[in-house]
C-alpha atoms as a PDB file:
ATOM      1  CA  MET A   1       0.135   0.204  -0.258  1.00  0.00           C
ATOM      2  CA  PRO A   2       1.701   3.331  -1.238  1.00  0.00           C
ATOM      3  CA  ASP A   3       1.963   6.068   1.571  1.00  0.00           C
ATOM      4  CA  ALA A   4      -1.222   8.186   1.420  1.00  0.00           C
ATOM      5  CA  PRO A   5      -0.884  12.157   0.442  1.00  0.00           C
ATOM      6  CA  THR A   6      -0.940  14.226   3.521  1.00  0.00           C
ATOM      7  CA  ALA A   7      -3.606  16.823   3.791  1.00  0.00           C
ATOM      8  CA  PRO A   8      -2.967  19.950   1.131  1.00  0.00           C
ATOM      9  CA  THR A   9      -1.494  22.886   3.983  1.00  0.00           C
ATOM     10  CA  ARG A  10      -2.956  25.609   2.120  1.00  0.00           C
ATOM     11  CA  HIS A  11      -5.196  28.181   4.928  1.00  0.00           C
ATOM     12  CA  LEU A  12      -3.837  25.855   7.697  1.00  0.00           C
ATOM     13  CA  PRO A  13      -1.205  27.490  10.263  1.00  0.00           C
ATOM     14  CA  PRO A  14       2.355  27.171   9.725  1.00  0.00           C
ATOM     15  CA  ILE A  15       3.182  23.439  10.230  1.00  0.00           C
ATOM     16  CA  GLY A  16       7.121  23.840  11.336  1.00  0.00           C
ATOM     17  CA  GLU A  17       8.847  25.925  13.549  1.00  0.00           C
ATOM     18  CA  GLY A  18      10.470  29.371  13.243  1.00  0.00           C
ATOM     19  CA  ASP A  19       7.572  31.283  11.637  1.00  0.00           C
ATOM     20  CA  PRO A  20       6.738  34.030  14.273  1.00  0.00           C
ATOM     21  CA  ALA A  21       3.008  33.936  12.626  1.00  0.00           C
ATOM     22  CA  LYS A  22       2.455  30.852  13.882  1.00  0.00           C
ATOM     23  CA  GLY A  23       1.811  31.245  17.592  1.00  0.00           C
ATOM     24  CA  ALA A  24      -1.296  33.699  16.780  1.00  0.00           C
ATOM     25  CA  ALA A  25      -2.839  31.380  13.896  1.00  0.00           C
ATOM     26  CA  VAL A  26      -2.735  28.279  16.065  1.00  0.00           C
ATOM     27  CA  ARG A  27      -4.247  29.842  19.035  1.00  0.00           C
ATOM     28  CA  ALA A  28      -7.127  31.190  16.195  1.00  0.00           C
ATOM     29  CA  MET A  29      -7.501  27.641  14.897  1.00  0.00           C
ATOM     30  CA  PHE A  30      -7.975  26.087  18.530  1.00  0.00           C
ATOM     31  CA  ASP A  31     -10.442  29.549  19.698  1.00  0.00           C
ATOM     32  CA  GLY A  32     -12.491  28.439  16.575  1.00  0.00           C
ATOM     33  CA  ILE A  33     -12.689  24.472  17.804  1.00  0.00           C
ATOM     34  CA  ALA A  34     -13.049  24.446  21.405  1.00  0.00           C
ATOM     35  CA  PRO A  35     -16.509  23.858  21.445  1.00  0.00           C
ATOM     36  CA  ARG A  36     -16.525  20.768  19.565  1.00  0.00           C
ATOM     37  CA  TYR A  37     -12.588  19.423  20.626  1.00  0.00           C
ATOM     38  CA  ASP A  38     -13.602  17.309  23.360  1.00  0.00           C
ATOM     39  CA  THR A  39     -16.101  15.056  21.202  1.00  0.00           C
ATOM     40  CA  LEU A  40     -13.745  15.331  18.428  1.00  0.00           C
ATOM     41  CA  ASN A  41     -11.134  13.728  20.216  1.00  0.00           C
ATOM     42  CA  ALA A  42     -13.304  10.908  21.609  1.00  0.00           C
ATOM     43  CA  ILE A  43     -13.684  10.106  18.095  1.00  0.00           C
ATOM     44  CA  LEU A  44     -10.942  10.598  16.321  1.00  0.00           C
ATOM     45  CA  SER A  45      -8.605   8.234  18.996  1.00  0.00           C
ATOM     46  CA  LEU A  46     -11.334   6.143  19.538  1.00  0.00           C
ATOM     47  CA  GLY A  47     -10.858   6.727  22.963  1.00  0.00           C
ATOM     48  CA  VAL A  48      -7.565   5.372  23.116  1.00  0.00           C
ATOM     49  CA  ASP A  49      -6.019   8.453  24.027  1.00  0.00           C
ATOM     50  CA  ARG A  50      -7.337   8.365  27.594  1.00  0.00           C
ATOM     51  CA  GLY A  51      -4.507   5.563  28.347  1.00  0.00           C
ATOM     52  CA  TRP A  52      -1.609   7.392  26.948  1.00  0.00           C
ATOM     53  CA  ARG A  53      -2.620  10.299  29.372  1.00  0.00           C
ATOM     54  CA  ARG A  54      -2.810   7.487  32.389  1.00  0.00           C
ATOM     55  CA  GLN A  55       0.735   6.165  32.028  1.00  0.00           C
ATOM     56  CA  ALA A  56       1.982  10.583  31.408  1.00  0.00           C
ATOM     57  CA  VAL A  57       0.165  11.124  34.475  1.00  0.00           C
ATOM     58  CA  ALA A  58       1.657   8.171  36.466  1.00  0.00           C
ATOM     59  CA  TRP A  59       4.985   9.115  35.239  1.00  0.00           C
ATOM     60  CA  ALA A  60       4.505  12.978  36.088  1.00  0.00           C
ATOM     61  CA  VAL A  61       2.884  12.170  40.051  1.00  0.00           C
ATOM     62  CA  ALA A  62       5.146   9.139  40.610  1.00  0.00           C
ATOM     63  CA  ASP A  63       7.525  11.440  43.462  1.00  0.00           C
ATOM     64  CA  GLY A  64       4.678  12.971  45.175  1.00  0.00           C
ATOM     65  CA  PRO A  65       5.049  16.676  43.598  1.00  0.00           C
ATOM     66  CA  GLY A  66       3.311  19.607  45.273  1.00  0.00           C
ATOM     67  CA  ASP A  67       2.763  22.126  42.537  1.00  0.00           C
ATOM     68  CA  VAL A  68       2.324  20.895  39.041  1.00  0.00           C
ATOM     69  CA  LEU A  69       1.891  23.033  35.810  1.00  0.00           C
ATOM     70  CA  ASP A  70       0.305  21.563  32.408  1.00  0.00           C
ATOM     71  CA  VAL A  71       1.434  23.686  29.622  1.00  0.00           C
ATOM     72  CA  ALA A  72      -1.407  24.035  26.793  1.00  0.00           C
ATOM     73  CA  THR A  73      -4.076  22.297  28.820  1.00  0.00           C
ATOM     74  CA  GLY A  74      -6.578  23.041  26.377  1.00  0.00           C
ATOM     75  CA  THR A  75      -9.897  21.824  27.461  1.00  0.00           C
ATOM     76  CA  ALA A  76      -7.843  20.457  30.959  1.00  0.00           C
ATOM     77  CA  ASP A  77      -8.084  16.966  30.625  1.00  0.00           C
ATOM     78  CA  LEU A  78      -4.573  15.931  31.665  1.00  0.00           C
ATOM     79  CA  ALA A  79      -4.725  18.897  34.590  1.00  0.00           C
ATOM     80  CA  ILE A  80      -8.250  17.434  36.031  1.00  0.00           C
ATOM     81  CA  ALA A  81      -6.441  13.670  35.886  1.00  0.00           C
ATOM     82  CA  LEU A  82      -3.610  15.056  37.259  1.00  0.00           C
ATOM     83  CA  ARG A  83      -5.404  16.856  40.329  1.00  0.00           C
ATOM     84  CA  ARG A  84      -7.509  13.592  40.779  1.00  0.00           C
ATOM     85  CA  ALA A  85      -3.961  11.374  41.074  1.00  0.00           C
ATOM     86  CA  ALA A  86      -2.390  13.704  43.284  1.00  0.00           C
ATOM     87  CA  PRO A  87      -5.447  15.106  45.204  1.00  0.00           C
ATOM     88  CA  GLY A  88      -2.591  17.013  47.790  1.00  0.00           C
ATOM     89  CA  ALA A  89      -1.109  19.053  44.976  1.00  0.00           C
ATOM     90  CA  ARG A  90      -1.771  22.129  43.392  1.00  0.00           C
ATOM     91  CA  VAL A  91      -2.529  22.081  39.526  1.00  0.00           C
ATOM     92  CA  VAL A  92      -1.978  24.623  37.323  1.00  0.00           C
ATOM     93  CA  GLY A  93      -2.973  24.983  33.424  1.00  0.00           C
ATOM     94  CA  VAL A  94      -1.918  27.416  31.430  1.00  0.00           C
ATOM     95  CA  ASP A  95      -2.759  27.538  27.400  1.00  0.00           C
ATOM     96  CA  PHE A  96      -3.306  30.353  25.283  1.00  0.00           C
ATOM     97  CA  SER A  97      -7.022  29.910  23.885  1.00  0.00           C
ATOM     98  CA  GLU A  98      -9.521  31.431  26.611  1.00  0.00           C
ATOM     99  CA  PRO A  99     -12.119  29.542  24.820  1.00  0.00           C
ATOM    100  CA  MET A 100     -10.755  26.399  25.119  1.00  0.00           C
ATOM    101  CA  LEU A 101     -10.015  27.009  28.891  1.00  0.00           C
ATOM    102  CA  ALA A 102     -13.564  28.185  29.613  1.00  0.00           C
ATOM    103  CA  VAL A 103     -14.845  24.038  28.165  1.00  0.00           C
ATOM    104  CA  GLY A 104     -12.136  23.079  30.891  1.00  0.00           C
ATOM    105  CA  ARG A 105     -13.377  25.678  33.168  1.00  0.00           C
ATOM    106  CA  ALA A 106     -16.927  24.367  32.864  1.00  0.00           C
ATOM    107  CA  LYS A 107     -15.624  20.860  33.035  1.00  0.00           C
ATOM    108  CA  ALA A 108     -13.887  20.867  36.219  1.00  0.00           C
ATOM    109  CA  ALA A 109     -16.414  22.409  37.859  1.00  0.00           C
ATOM    110  CA  ARG A 110     -18.993  19.094  36.920  1.00  0.00           C
ATOM    111  CA  ARG A 111     -16.371  16.838  38.253  1.00  0.00           C
ATOM    112  CA  GLY A 112     -15.917  18.456  41.257  1.00  0.00           C
ATOM    113  CA  VAL A 113     -12.050  18.945  40.806  1.00  0.00           C
ATOM    114  CA  ASP A 114     -10.394  22.195  41.788  1.00  0.00           C
ATOM    115  CA  VAL A 115      -7.814  23.490  39.200  1.00  0.00           C
ATOM    116  CA  ARG A 116      -6.620  27.130  38.529  1.00  0.00           C
ATOM    117  CA  LEU A 117      -6.878  27.431  34.666  1.00  0.00           C
ATOM    118  CA  GLU A 118      -5.256  30.752  33.131  1.00  0.00           C
ATOM    119  CA  VAL A 119      -3.776  31.879  30.033  1.00  0.00           C
ATOM    120  CA  GLY A 120      -0.232  32.355  28.913  1.00  0.00           C
ATOM    121  CA  ASP A 121       2.141  31.227  26.283  1.00  0.00           C
ATOM    122  CA  GLY A 122       3.872  28.000  26.593  1.00  0.00           C
ATOM    123  CA  THR A 123       7.180  29.733  25.247  1.00  0.00           C
ATOM    124  CA  ALA A 124       6.750  32.679  27.591  1.00  0.00           C
ATOM    125  CA  LEU A 125       5.504  30.997  30.552  1.00  0.00           C
ATOM    126  CA  PRO A 126       3.938  33.943  33.186  1.00  0.00           C
ATOM    127  CA  TYR A 127       5.894  32.475  36.686  1.00  0.00           C
ATOM    128  CA  PRO A 128       8.678  32.898  38.544  1.00  0.00           C
ATOM    129  CA  ASP A 129      12.074  30.394  38.282  1.00  0.00           C
ATOM    130  CA  ALA A 130      11.578  26.922  39.982  1.00  0.00           C
ATOM    131  CA  SER A 131       7.821  27.423  40.681  1.00  0.00           C
ATOM    132  CA  PHE A 132       6.764  23.974  39.891  1.00  0.00           C
ATOM    133  CA  ASP A 133       7.774  19.837  40.865  1.00  0.00           C
ATOM    134  CA  ALA A 134       6.725  18.467  37.735  1.00  0.00           C
ATOM    135  CA  VAL A 135       5.682  20.380  34.476  1.00  0.00           C
ATOM    136  CA  THR A 136       3.301  18.846  31.612  1.00  0.00           C
ATOM    137  CA  ILE A 137       2.171  18.815  28.528  1.00  0.00           C
ATOM    138  CA  ALA A 138       0.341  16.566  25.927  1.00  0.00           C
ATOM    139  CA  TYR A 139      -0.058  17.013  22.626  1.00  0.00           C
ATOM    140  CA  GLY A 140       0.652  20.444  22.552  1.00  0.00           C
ATOM    141  CA  LEU A 141       4.693  20.639  21.675  1.00  0.00           C
ATOM    142  CA  ARG A 142       4.156  20.426  18.010  1.00  0.00           C
ATOM    143  CA  ASN A 143       2.274  23.596  18.488  1.00  0.00           C
ATOM    144  CA  PHE A 144       4.582  26.076  19.396  1.00  0.00           C
ATOM    145  CA  ALA A 145       6.660  28.339  16.897  1.00  0.00           C
ATOM    146  CA  ASP A 146      10.228  27.126  19.052  1.00  0.00           C
ATOM    147  CA  VAL A 147      10.170  23.568  20.531  1.00  0.00           C
ATOM    148  CA  ASP A 148      13.679  24.294  22.445  1.00  0.00           C
ATOM    149  CA  ALA A 149      11.977  27.850  23.607  1.00  0.00           C
ATOM    150  CA  GLY A 150       9.379  26.100  25.155  1.00  0.00           C
ATOM    151  CA  LEU A 151      11.297  23.373  26.439  1.00  0.00           C
ATOM    152  CA  ARG A 152      13.867  26.031  28.348  1.00  0.00           C
ATOM    153  CA  GLU A 153      10.810  27.481  29.762  1.00  0.00           C
ATOM    154  CA  PHE A 154       9.921  24.210  31.202  1.00  0.00           C
ATOM    155  CA  ARG A 155      13.291  24.182  32.902  1.00  0.00           C
ATOM    156  CA  ARG A 156      13.282  27.331  34.018  1.00  0.00           C
ATOM    157  CA  VAL A 157       9.898  26.544  36.128  1.00  0.00           C
ATOM    158  CA  LEU A 158      11.201  23.705  37.043  1.00  0.00           C
ATOM    159  CA  ARG A 159      12.859  23.113  40.864  1.00  0.00           C
ATOM    160  CA  PRO A 160      16.060  21.214  40.764  1.00  0.00           C
ATOM    161  CA  GLY A 161      14.734  17.771  40.320  1.00  0.00           C
ATOM    162  CA  GLY A 162      11.666  17.968  39.108  1.00  0.00           C
ATOM    163  CA  VAL A 163      10.191  16.467  36.314  1.00  0.00           C
ATOM    164  CA  VAL A 164       9.095  17.342  32.923  1.00  0.00           C
ATOM    165  CA  VAL A 165       6.465  15.222  30.854  1.00  0.00           C
ATOM    166  CA  VAL A 166       5.767  15.247  27.330  1.00  0.00           C
ATOM    167  CA  LEU A 167       3.102  13.540  25.279  1.00  0.00           C
ATOM    168  CA  GLU A 168       3.494  13.879  21.568  1.00  0.00           C
ATOM    169  CA  PHE A 169       2.450  12.270  18.472  1.00  0.00           C
ATOM    170  CA  PRO A 170       5.268  11.745  16.820  1.00  0.00           C
ATOM    171  CA  PRO A 171       5.682  10.957  13.218  1.00  0.00           C
ATOM    172  CA  PRO A 172       3.597   7.713  12.078  1.00  0.00           C
ATOM    173  CA  PRO A 173       5.937   4.686  12.279  1.00  0.00           C
ATOM    174  CA  GLU A 174       7.183   2.784   9.592  1.00  0.00           C
ATOM    175  CA  GLY A 175       5.808  -1.020   8.506  1.00  0.00           C
ATOM    176  CA  PHE A 176       2.567  -2.200   7.644  1.00  0.00           C
ATOM    177  CA  PHE A 177       0.544  -0.662  10.802  1.00  0.00           C
ATOM    178  CA  GLY A 178       2.420   2.384  10.309  1.00  0.00           C
ATOM    179  CA  ARG A 179       1.081   2.449   6.865  1.00  0.00           C
ATOM    180  CA  ILE A 180      -2.438   1.994   7.747  1.00  0.00           C
ATOM    181  CA  PHE A 181      -2.158   4.108  10.589  1.00  0.00           C
ATOM    182  CA  ARG A 182      -0.648   7.038   7.928  1.00  0.00           C
ATOM    183  CA  PHE A 183      -3.895   6.593   5.895  1.00  0.00           C
ATOM    184  CA  TYR A 184      -6.191   6.730   8.727  1.00  0.00           C
ATOM    185  CA  PHE A 185      -4.392  10.019  10.193  1.00  0.00           C
ATOM    186  CA  THR A 186      -4.196  11.747   6.736  1.00  0.00           C
ATOM    187  CA  ARG A 187      -6.912  11.102   4.708  1.00  0.00           C
ATOM    188  CA  VAL A 188      -9.721   9.981   7.440  1.00  0.00           C
ATOM    189  CA  VAL A 189      -8.965  12.448  10.296  1.00  0.00           C
ATOM    190  CA  PRO A 190      -9.777  15.691   8.294  1.00  0.00           C
ATOM    191  CA  TRP A 191     -11.945  14.617   6.455  1.00  0.00           C
ATOM    192  CA  LEU A 192     -14.283  13.526   9.807  1.00  0.00           C
ATOM    193  CA  GLY A 193     -12.959  16.343  11.819  1.00  0.00           C
ATOM    194  CA  GLY A 194     -13.656  18.973   9.018  1.00  0.00           C
ATOM    195  CA  TRP A 195     -17.124  17.727   8.699  1.00  0.00           C
ATOM    196  CA  VAL A 196     -17.837  17.502  12.286  1.00  0.00           C
ATOM    197  CA  SER A 197     -16.256  20.685  13.481  1.00  0.00           C
ATOM    198  CA  GLY A 198     -17.210  22.652  10.417  1.00  0.00           C
ATOM    199  CA  ARG A 199     -13.483  23.877  10.218  1.00  0.00           C
ATOM    200  CA  PRO A 200     -11.942  21.373   8.138  1.00  0.00           C
ATOM    201  CA  GLY A 201      -8.085  23.288   8.040  1.00  0.00           C
ATOM    202  CA  ALA A 202      -8.121  22.742  12.055  1.00  0.00           C
ATOM    203  CA  TYR A 203      -8.029  18.813  11.177  1.00  0.00           C
ATOM    204  CA  ALA A 204      -5.783  19.101   7.973  1.00  0.00           C
ATOM    205  CA  TYR A 205      -2.935  21.118  10.195  1.00  0.00           C
ATOM    206  CA  LEU A 206      -3.014  18.161  12.670  1.00  0.00           C
ATOM    207  CA  PRO A 207      -1.627  15.216  10.453  1.00  0.00           C
ATOM    208  CA  ALA A 208       1.000  17.859   8.795  1.00  0.00           C
ATOM    209  CA  SER A 209       2.080  19.075  11.989  1.00  0.00           C
ATOM    210  CA  VAL A 210       3.153  15.286  13.312  1.00  0.00           C
ATOM    211  CA  MET A 211       4.944  14.710  10.063  1.00  0.00           C
ATOM    212  CA  ALA A 212       6.525  18.029  10.994  1.00  0.00           C
ATOM    213  CA  PHE A 213       7.894  17.025  14.285  1.00  0.00           C
ATOM    214  CA  PRO A 214      10.980  15.463  15.274  1.00  0.00           C
ATOM    215  CA  ALA A 215      11.383  11.781  16.046  1.00  0.00           C
ATOM    216  CA  PRO A 216      11.231  10.666  19.965  1.00  0.00           C
ATOM    217  CA  GLU A 217      15.116   9.968  19.915  1.00  0.00           C
ATOM    218  CA  ALA A 218      15.691  13.934  18.518  1.00  0.00           C
ATOM    219  CA  LEU A 219      13.015  15.328  21.060  1.00  0.00           C
ATOM    220  CA  ALA A 220      15.205  13.468  23.817  1.00  0.00           C
ATOM    221  CA  ASP A 221      18.523  15.197  22.542  1.00  0.00           C
ATOM    222  CA  ARG A 222      16.716  18.601  22.389  1.00  0.00           C
ATOM    223  CA  MET A 223      14.955  17.909  25.789  1.00  0.00           C
ATOM    224  CA  ARG A 224      19.039  17.508  26.853  1.00  0.00           C
ATOM    225  CA  ALA A 225      20.207  20.324  25.511  1.00  0.00           C
ATOM    226  CA  ALA A 226      17.846  22.462  27.152  1.00  0.00           C
ATOM    227  CA  GLY A 227      18.602  21.306  30.795  1.00  0.00           C
ATOM    228  CA  PHE A 228      17.270  17.890  31.125  1.00  0.00           C
ATOM    229  CA  ALA A 229      18.703  14.502  32.446  1.00  0.00           C
ATOM    230  CA  ASP A 230      18.039  10.713  32.578  1.00  0.00           C
ATOM    231  CA  VAL A 231      15.879  11.541  29.889  1.00  0.00           C
ATOM    232  CA  ARG A 232      14.128   8.723  28.764  1.00  0.00           C
ATOM    233  CA  TYR A 233      10.649   7.970  25.976  1.00  0.00           C
ATOM    234  CA  ARG A 234       8.364   5.247  25.674  1.00  0.00           C
ATOM    235  CA  LEU A 235       6.441   4.595  22.244  1.00  0.00           C
ATOM    236  CA  GLN A 236       2.465   3.877  23.025  1.00  0.00           C
ATOM    237  CA  THR A 237       0.216   1.609  20.630  1.00  0.00           C
ATOM    238  CA  TRP A 238       2.999   0.817  18.225  1.00  0.00           C
ATOM    239  CA  GLY A 239       4.692   4.429  17.934  1.00  0.00           C
ATOM    240  CA  VAL A 240       1.531   6.406  17.337  1.00  0.00           C
ATOM    241  CA  SER A 241       2.149   8.112  20.324  1.00  0.00           C
ATOM    242  CA  ALA A 242       5.153   8.918  22.773  1.00  0.00           C
ATOM    243  CA  LEU A 243       6.084   9.705  26.486  1.00  0.00           C
ATOM    244  CA  HIS A 244       9.064  11.874  26.766  1.00  0.00           C
ATOM    245  CA  ARG A 245      10.390  12.193  30.774  1.00  0.00           C
ATOM    246  CA  GLY A 246      13.152  14.634  31.611  1.00  0.00           C
ATOM    247  CA  VAL A 247      14.624  15.818  35.020  1.00  0.00           C
ATOM    248  CA  ALA A 248      15.788  19.404  35.683  1.00  0.00           C
ATOM    249  CA  ALA A 249      19.442  18.949  36.005  1.00  0.00           C
END
């Protein structure tokens, strides 16, 4: 089976790194899809993403953190899961899309979970140095115009010995399963996501941004360069998702 072509990139936010217009374009995209974001996530991931997030939470709270920051928290799924797993911790979620945060606040209130959700940019976090014991980010790092700046910010706000946990989609794996997933990701996801949301550009951007993201070992190297030690990663579901962890040196 030949590789499926990626979705057309016209009218999408900038895909790779280095474009100063990327942040504003991605923010506008997420502002527009916020009302249906959770529903589409559940449909497009077939619910598998819940297990991926559970593993991320387990890595983040393993050392009993007192203060946790979830960057690019979106509608706060990971922040809520972190607070439930570490009920004694202070959990803060930060995102640059206020409409996404509004959905997250309503969700947290319905579930009776106390998390603080604030507007902020992951490449210029509005927190002092050494403020947190753990920093997490789930499927948001590829949206940064400067991934290395984001990683350095994560290191800056972490206390020495604190952990960063990064959950992200790497480029699809090779082999038979990778080809099937690539077809689903580049053909089905943009069509179904665009049809349900009414914003096809947002769901064409998703596979395009994943294809442009660093492979897991390359991301691990960039985490080390940003000041993290003991960096390790685990592939999830045959390499569809990747979970990275590092310690603030």
